[in-house]
PDB file of N, CA and C in Angstrom:
ATOM      1  N   MET A   1      -6.949  -9.120 -22.958  1.00  0.00           N
ATOM      2  CA  MET A   1      -6.093  -8.453 -21.997  1.00  0.00           C
ATOM      3  C   MET A   1      -6.838  -7.224 -21.467  1.00  0.00           C
ATOM      4  N   SER A   2      -6.745  -7.002 -20.177  1.00  0.00           N
ATOM      5  CA  SER A   2      -7.465  -5.883 -19.575  1.00  0.00           C
ATOM      6  C   SER A   2      -6.640  -4.596 -19.639  1.00  0.00           C
ATOM      7  N   ASP A   3      -7.312  -3.502 -19.396  1.00  0.00           N
ATOM      8  CA  ASP A   3      -6.675  -2.193 -19.441  1.00  0.00           C
ATOM      9  C   ASP A   3      -6.113  -1.862 -18.056  1.00  0.00           C
ATOM     10  N   TRP A   4      -4.837  -2.173 -17.824  1.00  0.00           N
ATOM     11  CA  TRP A   4      -4.209  -2.003 -16.513  1.00  0.00           C
ATOM     12  C   TRP A   4      -4.013  -0.539 -16.146  1.00  0.00           C
ATOM     13  N   GLN A   5      -3.839   0.310 -17.112  1.00  0.00           N
ATOM     14  CA  GLN A   5      -3.621   1.722 -16.810  1.00  0.00           C
ATOM     15  C   GLN A   5      -4.849   2.329 -16.126  1.00  0.00           C
ATOM     16  N   SER A   6      -6.038   2.000 -16.592  1.00  0.00           N
ATOM     17  CA  SER A   6      -7.246   2.539 -15.968  1.00  0.00           C
ATOM     18  C   SER A   6      -7.466   1.951 -14.579  1.00  0.00           C
ATOM     19  N   PHE A   7      -6.887   0.795 -14.311  1.00  0.00           N
ATOM     20  CA  PHE A   7      -7.006   0.182 -12.990  1.00  0.00           C
ATOM     21  C   PHE A   7      -6.237   0.979 -11.938  1.00  0.00           C
ATOM     22  N   PHE A   8      -5.081   1.498 -12.299  1.00  0.00           N
ATOM     23  CA  PHE A   8      -4.235   2.205 -11.348  1.00  0.00           C
ATOM     24  C   PHE A   8      -4.485   3.708 -11.288  1.00  0.00           C
ATOM     25  N   VAL A   9      -5.279   4.239 -12.178  1.00  0.00           N
ATOM     26  CA  VAL A   9      -5.617   5.663 -12.149  1.00  0.00           C
ATOM     27  C   VAL A   9      -6.813   5.828 -11.214  1.00  0.00           C
ATOM     28  N   PRO A  10      -6.684   6.663 -10.171  1.00  0.00           N
ATOM     29  CA  PRO A  10      -7.790   6.811  -9.219  1.00  0.00           C
ATOM     30  C   PRO A  10      -9.010   7.458  -9.869  1.00  0.00           C
ATOM     31  N   ALA A  11     -10.188   6.969  -9.482  1.00  0.00           N
ATOM     32  CA  ALA A  11     -11.433   7.504 -10.027  1.00  0.00           C
ATOM     33  C   ALA A  11     -11.842   8.791  -9.317  1.00  0.00           C
ATOM     34  N   VAL A  12     -11.367   8.971  -8.098  1.00  0.00           N
ATOM     35  CA  VAL A  12     -11.657  10.185  -7.336  1.00  0.00           C
ATOM     36  C   VAL A  12     -10.343  10.876  -7.013  1.00  0.00           C
ATOM     37  N   PRO A  13     -10.364  12.183  -6.819  1.00  0.00           N
ATOM     38  CA  PRO A  13      -9.122  12.884  -6.465  1.00  0.00           C
ATOM     39  C   PRO A  13      -8.550  12.374  -5.139  1.00  0.00           C
ATOM     40  N   LEU A  14      -7.242  12.440  -5.005  1.00  0.00           N
ATOM     41  CA  LEU A  14      -6.562  11.948  -3.811  1.00  0.00           C
ATOM     42  C   LEU A  14      -7.038  12.674  -2.558  1.00  0.00           C
ATOM     43  N   ILE A  15      -7.230  13.977  -2.646  1.00  0.00           N
ATOM     44  CA  ILE A  15      -7.662  14.747  -1.477  1.00  0.00           C
ATOM     45  C   ILE A  15      -9.042  14.307  -1.009  1.00  0.00           C
ATOM     46  N   ASP A  16      -9.895  13.893  -1.932  1.00  0.00           N
ATOM     47  CA  ASP A  16     -11.228  13.422  -1.574  1.00  0.00           C
ATOM     48  C   ASP A  16     -11.136  12.145  -0.739  1.00  0.00           C
ATOM     49  N   GLY A  17     -10.303  11.217  -1.159  1.00  0.00           N
ATOM     50  CA  GLY A  17     -10.131   9.973  -0.411  1.00  0.00           C
ATOM     51  C   GLY A  17      -9.533  10.200   0.963  1.00  0.00           C
ATOM     52  N   VAL A  18      -8.536  11.080   1.037  1.00  0.00           N
ATOM     53  CA  VAL A  18      -7.903  11.389   2.324  1.00  0.00           C
ATOM     54  C   VAL A  18      -8.905  12.071   3.249  1.00  0.00           C
ATOM     55  N   LEU A  19      -9.672  13.003   2.712  1.00  0.00           N
ATOM     56  CA  LEU A  19     -10.648  13.729   3.524  1.00  0.00           C
ATOM     57  C   LEU A  19     -11.734  12.795   4.051  1.00  0.00           C
ATOM     58  N   ARG A  20     -12.244  11.925   3.212  1.00  0.00           N
ATOM     59  CA  ARG A  20     -13.283  10.984   3.649  1.00  0.00           C
ATOM     60  C   ARG A  20     -12.764  10.023   4.711  1.00  0.00           C
ATOM     61  N   GLY A  21     -11.558   9.519   4.510  1.00  0.00           N
ATOM     62  CA  GLY A  21     -10.970   8.620   5.501  1.00  0.00           C
ATOM     63  C   GLY A  21     -10.739   9.308   6.832  1.00  0.00           C
ATOM     64  N   THR A  22     -10.273  10.556   6.794  1.00  0.00           N
ATOM     65  CA  THR A  22     -10.029  11.312   8.021  1.00  0.00           C
ATOM     66  C   THR A  22     -11.329  11.594   8.762  1.00  0.00           C
ATOM     67  N   VAL A  23     -12.350  12.000   8.035  1.00  0.00           N
ATOM     68  CA  VAL A  23     -13.647  12.275   8.662  1.00  0.00           C
ATOM     69  C   VAL A  23     -14.220  11.000   9.278  1.00  0.00           C
ATOM     70  N   THR A  24     -14.103   9.878   8.581  1.00  0.00           N
ATOM     71  CA  THR A  24     -14.591   8.608   9.109  1.00  0.00           C
ATOM     72  C   THR A  24     -13.857   8.238  10.388  1.00  0.00           C
ATOM     73  N   PHE A  25     -12.538   8.362  10.378  1.00  0.00           N
ATOM     74  CA  PHE A  25     -11.739   8.037  11.558  1.00  0.00           C
ATOM     75  C   PHE A  25     -12.114   8.925  12.737  1.00  0.00           C
ATOM     76  N   LEU A  26     -12.222  10.229  12.506  1.00  0.00           N
ATOM     77  CA  LEU A  26     -12.556  11.150  13.590  1.00  0.00           C
ATOM     78  C   LEU A  26     -13.961  10.905  14.130  1.00  0.00           C
ATOM     79  N   ALA A  27     -14.907  10.587  13.254  1.00  0.00           N
ATOM     80  CA  ALA A  27     -16.266  10.297  13.711  1.00  0.00           C
ATOM     81  C   ALA A  27     -16.290   9.052  14.590  1.00  0.00           C
ATOM     82  N   LEU A  28     -15.563   8.015  14.199  1.00  0.00           N
ATOM     83  CA  LEU A  28     -15.499   6.810  15.026  1.00  0.00           C
ATOM     84  C   LEU A  28     -14.789   7.079  16.347  1.00  0.00           C
ATOM     85  N   LEU A  29     -13.756   7.888  16.318  1.00  0.00           N
ATOM     86  CA  LEU A  29     -13.027   8.221  17.539  1.00  0.00           C
ATOM     87  C   LEU A  29     -13.919   8.997  18.509  1.00  0.00           C
ATOM     88  N   VAL A  30     -14.661   9.978  18.007  1.00  0.00           N
ATOM     89  CA  VAL A  30     -15.580  10.746  18.850  1.00  0.00           C
ATOM     90  C   VAL A  30     -16.680   9.840  19.386  1.00  0.00           C
ATOM     91  N   LEU A  31     -17.194   8.954  18.564  1.00  0.00           N
ATOM     92  CA  LEU A  31     -18.235   8.027  18.997  1.00  0.00           C
ATOM     93  C   LEU A  31     -17.741   7.142  20.134  1.00  0.00           C
ATOM     94  N   MET A  32     -16.509   6.662  20.028  1.00  0.00           N
ATOM     95  CA  MET A  32     -15.957   5.837  21.099  1.00  0.00           C
ATOM     96  C   MET A  32     -15.806   6.635  22.385  1.00  0.00           C
ATOM     97  N   ARG A  33     -15.411   7.895  22.286  1.00  0.00           N
ATOM     98  CA  ARG A  33     -15.254   8.732  23.482  1.00  0.00           C
ATOM     99  C   ARG A  33     -16.608   9.027  24.125  1.00  0.00           C
ATOM    100  N   VAL A  34     -17.636   9.239  23.310  1.00  0.00           N
ATOM    101  CA  VAL A  34     -18.965   9.542  23.832  1.00  0.00           C
ATOM    102  C   VAL A  34     -19.573   8.313  24.495  1.00  0.00           C
ATOM    103  N   VAL A  35     -19.430   7.161  23.857  1.00  0.00           N
ATOM    104  CA  VAL A  35     -19.999   5.924  24.392  1.00  0.00           C
ATOM    105  C   VAL A  35     -19.319   5.565  25.704  1.00  0.00           C
ATOM    106  N   GLY A  36     -18.028   5.764  25.779  1.00  0.00           N
ATOM    107  CA  GLY A  36     -17.303   5.504  27.016  1.00  0.00           C
ATOM    108  C   GLY A  36     -16.589   4.164  26.998  1.00  0.00           C
ATOM    109  N   GLN A  37     -15.657   4.025  27.899  1.00  0.00           N
ATOM    110  CA  GLN A  37     -14.862   2.804  27.985  1.00  0.00           C
ATOM    111  C   GLN A  37     -15.689   1.619  28.460  1.00  0.00           C
ATOM    112  N   ARG A  38     -16.715   1.871  29.239  1.00  0.00           N
ATOM    113  CA  ARG A  38     -17.522   0.769  29.755  1.00  0.00           C
ATOM    114  C   ARG A  38     -18.203   0.016  28.618  1.00  0.00           C
ATOM    115  N   GLU A  39     -18.729   0.741  27.653  1.00  0.00           N
ATOM    116  CA  GLU A  39     -19.439   0.118  26.542  1.00  0.00           C
ATOM    117  C   GLU A  39     -18.498  -0.426  25.481  1.00  0.00           C
ATOM    118  N   SER A  40     -17.381   0.226  25.273  1.00  0.00           N
ATOM    119  CA  SER A  40     -16.466  -0.189  24.210  1.00  0.00           C
ATOM    120  C   SER A  40     -15.102  -0.562  24.774  1.00  0.00           C
ATOM    121  N   GLY A  41     -15.100  -1.257  25.878  1.00  0.00           N
ATOM    122  CA  GLY A  41     -13.848  -1.605  26.532  1.00  0.00           C
ATOM    123  C   GLY A  41     -12.953  -2.487  25.684  1.00  0.00           C
ATOM    124  N   GLY A  42     -13.530  -3.257  24.781  1.00  0.00           N
ATOM    125  CA  GLY A  42     -12.735  -4.150  23.950  1.00  0.00           C
ATOM    126  C   GLY A  42     -12.138  -3.487  22.726  1.00  0.00           C
ATOM    127  N   LEU A  43     -12.519  -2.259  22.442  1.00  0.00           N
ATOM    128  CA  LEU A  43     -12.029  -1.574  21.250  1.00  0.00           C
ATOM    129  C   LEU A  43     -10.884  -0.637  21.603  1.00  0.00           C
ATOM    130  N   GLY A  44      -9.832  -0.718  20.839  1.00  0.00           N
ATOM    131  CA  GLY A  44      -8.708   0.191  21.007  1.00  0.00           C
ATOM    132  C   GLY A  44      -8.537   1.041  19.769  1.00  0.00           C
ATOM    133  N   ILE A  45      -7.528   1.885  19.774  1.00  0.00           N
ATOM    134  CA  ILE A  45      -7.285   2.770  18.635  1.00  0.00           C
ATOM    135  C   ILE A  45      -6.914   1.967  17.393  1.00  0.00           C
ATOM    136  N   THR A  46      -6.265   0.824  17.588  1.00  0.00           N
ATOM    137  CA  THR A  46      -5.919  -0.031  16.450  1.00  0.00           C
ATOM    138  C   THR A  46      -7.172  -0.576  15.782  1.00  0.00           C
ATOM    139  N   ASP A  47      -8.165  -0.952  16.592  1.00  0.00           N
ATOM    140  CA  ASP A  47      -9.421  -1.444  16.034  1.00  0.00           C
ATOM    141  C   ASP A  47     -10.119  -0.372  15.206  1.00  0.00           C
ATOM    142  N   VAL A  48     -10.091   0.849  15.688  1.00  0.00           N
ATOM    143  CA  VAL A  48     -10.712   1.949  14.945  1.00  0.00           C
ATOM    144  C   VAL A  48      -9.982   2.180  13.628  1.00  0.00           C
ATOM    145  N   LEU A  49      -8.658   2.102  13.656  1.00  0.00           N
ATOM    146  CA  LEU A  49      -7.889   2.263  12.419  1.00  0.00           C
ATOM    147  C   LEU A  49      -8.228   1.170  11.416  1.00  0.00           C
ATOM    148  N   ILE A  50      -8.389  -0.051  11.890  1.00  0.00           N
ATOM    149  CA  ILE A  50      -8.738  -1.156  10.993  1.00  0.00           C
ATOM    150  C   ILE A  50     -10.125  -0.941  10.408  1.00  0.00           C
ATOM    151  N   ILE A  51     -11.071  -0.534  11.248  1.00  0.00           N
ATOM    152  CA  ILE A  51     -12.431  -0.280  10.762  1.00  0.00           C
ATOM    153  C   ILE A  51     -12.426   0.829   9.717  1.00  0.00           C
ATOM    154  N   ALA A  52     -11.690   1.898  10.003  1.00  0.00           N
ATOM    155  CA  ALA A  52     -11.626   3.019   9.062  1.00  0.00           C
ATOM    156  C   ALA A  52     -10.915   2.617   7.780  1.00  0.00           C
ATOM    157  N   GLY A  53      -9.922   1.740   7.887  1.00  0.00           N
ATOM    158  CA  GLY A  53      -9.201   1.302   6.696  1.00  0.00           C
ATOM    159  C   GLY A  53     -10.003   0.350   5.844  1.00  0.00           C
ATOM    160  N   VAL A  54     -10.764  -0.515   6.501  1.00  0.00           N
ATOM    161  CA  VAL A  54     -11.557  -1.498   5.763  1.00  0.00           C
ATOM    162  C   VAL A  54     -12.715  -0.825   5.047  1.00  0.00           C
ATOM    163  N   ARG A  55     -13.273   0.157   5.690  1.00  0.00           N
ATOM    164  CA  ARG A  55     -14.384   0.869   5.059  1.00  0.00           C
ATOM    165  C   ARG A  55     -13.839   1.643   3.874  1.00  0.00           C
ATOM    166  N   ARG A  56     -14.350   1.342   2.745  1.00  0.00           N
ATOM    167  CA  ARG A  56     -13.861   2.001   1.531  1.00  0.00           C
ATOM    168  C   ARG A  56     -14.710   3.233   1.274  1.00  0.00           C
ATOM    169  N   ALA A  57     -14.273   4.358   1.817  1.00  0.00           N
ATOM    170  CA  ALA A  57     -15.028   5.600   1.653  1.00  0.00           C
ATOM    171  C   ALA A  57     -15.093   6.045   0.193  1.00  0.00           C
ATOM    172  N   PRO A  58     -13.959   6.196  -0.468  1.00  0.00           N
ATOM    173  CA  PRO A  58     -14.041   6.604  -1.878  1.00  0.00           C
ATOM    174  C   PRO A  58     -14.172   5.387  -2.782  1.00  0.00           C
ATOM    175  N   ARG A  59     -15.372   5.067  -3.164  1.00  0.00           N
ATOM    176  CA  ARG A  59     -15.607   3.895  -4.017  1.00  0.00           C
ATOM    177  C   ARG A  59     -15.465   4.268  -5.487  1.00  0.00           C
ATOM    178  N   ARG A  60     -14.974   3.306  -6.250  1.00  0.00           N
ATOM    179  CA  ARG A  60     -14.862   3.517  -7.694  1.00  0.00           C
ATOM    180  C   ARG A  60     -16.254   3.454  -8.307  1.00  0.00           C
ATOM    181  N   PRO A  61     -16.610   4.403  -9.135  1.00  0.00           N
ATOM    182  CA  PRO A  61     -17.924   4.341  -9.781  1.00  0.00           C
ATOM    183  C   PRO A  61     -17.972   3.187 -10.776  1.00  0.00           C
ATOM    184  N   THR A  62     -19.138   2.601 -10.906  1.00  0.00           N
ATOM    185  CA  THR A  62     -19.290   1.503 -11.858  1.00  0.00           C
ATOM    186  C   THR A  62     -19.401   2.077 -13.259  1.00  0.00           C
ATOM    187  N   ARG A  63     -18.750   1.428 -14.162  1.00  0.00           N
ATOM    188  CA  ARG A  63     -18.793   1.877 -15.563  1.00  0.00           C
ATOM    189  C   ARG A  63     -19.827   1.062 -16.311  1.00  0.00           C
ATOM    190  N   SER A  64     -20.610   1.744 -17.117  1.00  0.00           N
ATOM    191  CA  SER A  64     -21.636   1.030 -17.880  1.00  0.00           C
ATOM    192  C   SER A  64     -21.277   0.941 -19.340  1.00  0.00           C
TER     193      SER A  64
END
């Protein structure tokens, strides 16, 4: 049987995960504005949210 309690306890502080996700989202948003609508016409704000959500900024460290 596995240790379920350690699975649900975050390895990084909550503020760290929120901060990394926010910085990632803002960087992608600024990049889209700089590139312009002509280059990224197919991308909307929903696409950026999905990209930012899929990217796992705060990764769990591997245990040895």
